[in-house]
Every structure is written in structure tokens, then in C-alpha cells.
Amino acid sequence: MAKNNYWVSPDGDNWKAKKEGASRASAVFDTQKEAESYARGILQSNDGGELITQNQEGEIRSKDTINRRDPIPPRDTEN
């Protein structure tokens, strides 16, 4: 099974979101927060995966496992 990872990394003054193994970025944004939000949305709408964020020096700053969004979430029967 192939990994479904997205990398958020600096690109000059911008931030790019790139699927692991892709030859070019999926999208480029002005801020890191926008790029992370985009990648998180892509991962949630697909089968989930790992969101890996790099800092300005290219070092891994954080990793976050994103689960697939449940189209029919369980009902809260307690409240």
C-alpha cells in the first residue's frame, strides 16, 4: 500500500504543499498555515495520511497523522 503523505515546506517567500513522490507542488501559498490547511483538507477527503511540515532550514518541524473524515459519524446518545 502506497503512503499518502503531504509535505509542507518553504519555497522562497512562500510555502508549498506537495504530495510525497510528486515532481511539483500541488499548490503554493503565502503562509505556512494556509499550506497546512490545504494539505490537511486533501488528506481528510482522501484516505488520510501523514502531514509533514518543515521549517525554514528544511528540517522536519512536525508530523501529524490525519485520519479520513467519517462521512457518517456516530451519534452522541449520552447528551
N, C-alpha and C. Protein backbone atom coordinates (compact mmCIF):
# COMPACT_ATOMS: atom_id res chain seq x y z
N MET A 1 0.85 -1.16 0.00
CA MET A 1 0.00 0.00 0.00
C MET A 1 0.90 1.24 0.00
N ALA A 2 0.61 2.17 -0.89
CA ALA A 2 1.40 3.39 -1.01
C ALA A 2 1.07 4.36 0.11
N LYS A 3 2.08 5.10 0.53
CA LYS A 3 1.89 6.11 1.56
C LYS A 3 1.19 7.32 0.94
N ASN A 4 0.32 7.94 1.71
CA ASN A 4 -0.38 9.14 1.26
C ASN A 4 0.11 10.29 2.14
N ASN A 5 1.33 10.77 1.88
CA ASN A 5 1.92 11.82 2.68
C ASN A 5 1.94 13.13 1.94
N TYR A 6 1.77 14.23 2.67
CA TYR A 6 1.90 15.57 2.11
C TYR A 6 2.97 16.30 2.89
N TRP A 7 3.84 17.00 2.17
CA TRP A 7 4.92 17.79 2.75
C TRP A 7 4.59 19.26 2.59
N VAL A 8 4.73 20.03 3.67
CA VAL A 8 4.60 21.48 3.63
C VAL A 8 6.00 22.02 3.88
N SER A 9 6.52 22.78 2.91
CA SER A 9 7.90 23.26 3.02
C SER A 9 8.02 24.66 2.43
N PRO A 10 9.06 25.39 2.85
CA PRO A 10 9.25 26.75 2.34
C PRO A 10 9.67 26.72 0.87
N ASP A 11 9.25 27.76 0.14
CA ASP A 11 9.59 27.91 -1.27
C ASP A 11 9.85 29.39 -1.49
N GLY A 12 11.06 29.84 -1.17
CA GLY A 12 11.36 31.27 -1.21
C GLY A 12 10.59 31.98 -0.12
N ASP A 13 9.78 32.96 -0.49
CA ASP A 13 8.95 33.68 0.48
C ASP A 13 7.59 33.01 0.68
N ASN A 14 7.33 31.94 -0.04
CA ASN A 14 6.04 31.24 0.00
C ASN A 14 6.19 29.87 0.67
N TRP A 15 5.06 29.18 0.77
CA TRP A 15 5.02 27.82 1.31
C TRP A 15 4.32 26.94 0.30
N LYS A 16 4.85 25.74 0.10
CA LYS A 16 4.24 24.82 -0.86
C LYS A 16 3.74 23.56 -0.16
N ALA A 17 2.67 23.01 -0.69
CA ALA A 17 2.13 21.72 -0.26
C ALA A 17 2.36 20.76 -1.42
N LYS A 18 3.05 19.66 -1.11
CA LYS A 18 3.44 18.73 -2.16
C LYS A 18 3.20 17.30 -1.70
N LYS A 19 2.56 16.51 -2.54
CA LYS A 19 2.36 15.10 -2.24
C LYS A 19 3.70 14.38 -2.39
N GLU A 20 3.97 13.49 -1.45
CA GLU A 20 5.24 12.75 -1.49
C GLU A 20 5.35 11.98 -2.80
N GLY A 21 6.48 12.14 -3.46
CA GLY A 21 6.74 11.45 -4.72
C GLY A 21 6.35 12.26 -5.95
N ALA A 22 5.63 13.37 -5.77
CA ALA A 22 5.23 14.20 -6.90
C ALA A 22 6.43 15.03 -7.38
N SER A 23 6.41 15.37 -8.66
CA SER A 23 7.53 16.13 -9.21
C SER A 23 7.38 17.63 -8.97
N ARG A 24 6.15 18.09 -8.71
CA ARG A 24 5.95 19.52 -8.43
C ARG A 24 4.90 19.70 -7.36
N ALA A 25 4.83 20.91 -6.82
CA ALA A 25 3.92 21.21 -5.72
C ALA A 25 2.46 21.17 -6.19
N SER A 26 1.58 20.74 -5.29
CA SER A 26 0.14 20.75 -5.57
C SER A 26 -0.39 22.18 -5.56
N ALA A 27 0.15 23.00 -4.64
CA ALA A 27 -0.28 24.39 -4.51
C ALA A 27 0.79 25.17 -3.76
N VAL A 28 0.81 26.50 -3.99
CA VAL A 28 1.75 27.39 -3.31
C VAL A 28 0.94 28.47 -2.61
N PHE A 29 1.34 28.79 -1.37
CA PHE A 29 0.58 29.73 -0.53
C PHE A 29 1.51 30.79 0.06
N ASP A 30 0.90 31.87 0.54
CA ASP A 30 1.66 32.95 1.17
C ASP A 30 2.12 32.58 2.57
N THR A 31 1.33 31.75 3.27
CA THR A 31 1.66 31.41 4.66
C THR A 31 1.72 29.90 4.86
N GLN A 32 2.45 29.52 5.90
CA GLN A 32 2.57 28.11 6.26
C GLN A 32 1.21 27.58 6.70
N LYS A 33 0.46 28.37 7.42
CA LYS A 33 -0.85 27.96 7.92
C LYS A 33 -1.80 27.61 6.77
N GLU A 34 -1.79 28.41 5.71
CA GLU A 34 -2.64 28.13 4.55
C GLU A 34 -2.24 26.82 3.88
N ALA A 35 -0.94 26.60 3.74
CA ALA A 35 -0.44 25.37 3.11
C ALA A 35 -0.81 24.14 3.94
N GLU A 36 -0.68 24.24 5.27
CA GLU A 36 -1.03 23.12 6.15
C GLU A 36 -2.53 22.84 6.08
N SER A 37 -3.33 23.89 6.06
CA SER A 37 -4.78 23.72 5.98
C SER A 37 -5.19 23.02 4.68
N TYR A 38 -4.58 23.42 3.58
CA TYR A 38 -4.86 22.81 2.29
C TYR A 38 -4.50 21.32 2.30
N ALA A 39 -3.28 21.01 2.76
CA ALA A 39 -2.82 19.61 2.78
C ALA A 39 -3.68 18.77 3.72
N ARG A 40 -4.05 19.33 4.87
CA ARG A 40 -4.90 18.62 5.83
C ARG A 40 -6.27 18.28 5.19
N GLY A 41 -6.83 19.24 4.46
CA GLY A 41 -8.11 19.01 3.78
C GLY A 41 -8.02 17.92 2.73
N ILE A 42 -6.94 17.91 1.96
CA ILE A 42 -6.74 16.88 0.95
C ILE A 42 -6.64 15.51 1.61
N LEU A 43 -5.86 15.41 2.69
CA LEU A 43 -5.69 14.13 3.37
C LEU A 43 -7.00 13.64 3.99
N GLN A 44 -7.78 14.56 4.57
CA GLN A 44 -9.05 14.17 5.18
C GLN A 44 -10.05 13.69 4.14
N SER A 45 -10.07 14.32 2.97
CA SER A 45 -11.04 13.94 1.96
C SER A 45 -10.65 12.66 1.22
N ASN A 46 -9.38 12.27 1.31
CA ASN A 46 -8.93 11.01 0.73
C ASN A 46 -8.88 9.95 1.82
N ASP A 47 -7.87 9.14 1.83
CA ASP A 47 -7.79 8.04 2.80
C ASP A 47 -6.96 8.37 4.02
N GLY A 48 -6.70 9.66 4.28
CA GLY A 48 -5.86 10.04 5.40
C GLY A 48 -4.40 9.87 5.04
N GLY A 49 -3.52 10.15 5.99
CA GLY A 49 -2.09 10.02 5.74
C GLY A 49 -1.31 10.87 6.72
N GLU A 50 -0.08 11.17 6.37
CA GLU A 50 0.82 11.91 7.24
C GLU A 50 1.04 13.32 6.67
N LEU A 51 0.90 14.33 7.52
CA LEU A 51 1.21 15.71 7.16
C LEU A 51 2.55 16.05 7.80
N ILE A 52 3.55 16.33 6.97
CA ILE A 52 4.90 16.60 7.45
C ILE A 52 5.24 18.05 7.13
N THR A 53 5.60 18.81 8.16
CA THR A 53 5.90 20.23 7.99
C THR A 53 7.37 20.47 8.27
N GLN A 54 8.01 21.21 7.36
CA GLN A 54 9.42 21.56 7.52
C GLN A 54 9.54 23.02 7.95
N ASN A 55 10.67 23.36 8.61
CA ASN A 55 10.93 24.75 8.97
C ASN A 55 11.71 25.42 7.83
N GLN A 56 12.13 26.66 8.05
CA GLN A 56 12.83 27.42 7.02
C GLN A 56 14.17 26.79 6.63
N GLU A 57 14.78 26.03 7.52
CA GLU A 57 16.06 25.38 7.24
C GLU A 57 15.89 24.03 6.56
N GLY A 58 14.66 23.59 6.37
CA GLY A 58 14.40 22.31 5.73
C GLY A 58 14.33 21.13 6.67
N GLU A 59 14.44 21.39 7.98
CA GLU A 59 14.34 20.31 8.96
C GLU A 59 12.87 20.03 9.27
N ILE A 60 12.57 18.78 9.60
CA ILE A 60 11.19 18.43 9.93
C ILE A 60 10.82 19.08 11.25
N ARG A 61 9.78 19.91 11.22
CA ARG A 61 9.31 20.62 12.41
C ARG A 61 8.22 19.83 13.12
N SER A 62 7.31 19.23 12.32
CA SER A 62 6.24 18.46 12.94
C SER A 62 5.70 17.41 11.96
N LYS A 63 5.10 16.38 12.56
CA LYS A 63 4.40 15.34 11.81
C LYS A 63 3.04 15.17 12.45
N ASP A 64 2.04 15.00 11.62
CA ASP A 64 0.68 14.85 12.13
C ASP A 64 -0.03 13.79 11.30
N THR A 65 -0.54 12.77 11.95
CA THR A 65 -1.31 11.75 11.26
C THR A 65 -2.74 12.23 11.12
N ILE A 66 -3.22 12.27 9.89
CA ILE A 66 -4.56 12.74 9.59
C ILE A 66 -5.41 11.53 9.24
N ASN A 67 -6.51 11.36 9.95
CA ASN A 67 -7.43 10.26 9.67
C ASN A 67 -8.46 10.70 8.65
N ARG A 68 -8.99 9.75 7.96
CA ARG A 68 -10.04 10.01 6.99
C ARG A 68 -11.27 10.54 7.70
N ARG A 69 -11.91 11.54 7.13
CA ARG A 69 -13.13 12.09 7.70
C ARG A 69 -14.25 11.07 7.55
N ASP A 70 -14.93 10.79 8.64
CA ASP A 70 -16.03 9.82 8.64
C ASP A 70 -17.27 10.48 8.04
N PRO A 71 -17.79 9.96 6.91
CA PRO A 71 -18.96 10.58 6.28
C PRO A 71 -20.25 10.43 7.12
N ILE A 72 -20.27 9.40 7.97
CA ILE A 72 -21.43 9.19 8.84
C ILE A 72 -20.90 8.99 10.26
N PRO A 73 -20.61 10.10 10.96
CA PRO A 73 -20.06 9.96 12.31
C PRO A 73 -21.09 9.38 13.28
N PRO A 74 -20.63 8.70 14.32
CA PRO A 74 -21.58 8.14 15.29
C PRO A 74 -22.31 9.24 16.04
N ARG A 75 -23.55 8.95 16.40
CA ARG A 75 -24.35 9.92 17.15
C ARG A 75 -24.00 9.85 18.63
N ASP A 76 -24.05 11.02 19.26
CA ASP A 76 -23.83 11.10 20.70
C ASP A 76 -25.15 10.79 21.37
N THR A 77 -25.26 9.63 21.97
CA THR A 77 -26.54 9.22 22.58
C THR A 77 -26.61 9.61 24.07
N GLU A 78 -25.49 10.08 24.61
CA GLU A 78 -25.45 10.42 26.01
C GLU A 78 -26.00 11.82 26.29
N ASN A 79 -25.75 12.76 25.42
CA ASN A 79 -26.15 14.16 25.66
C ASN A 79 -27.28 14.57 24.76
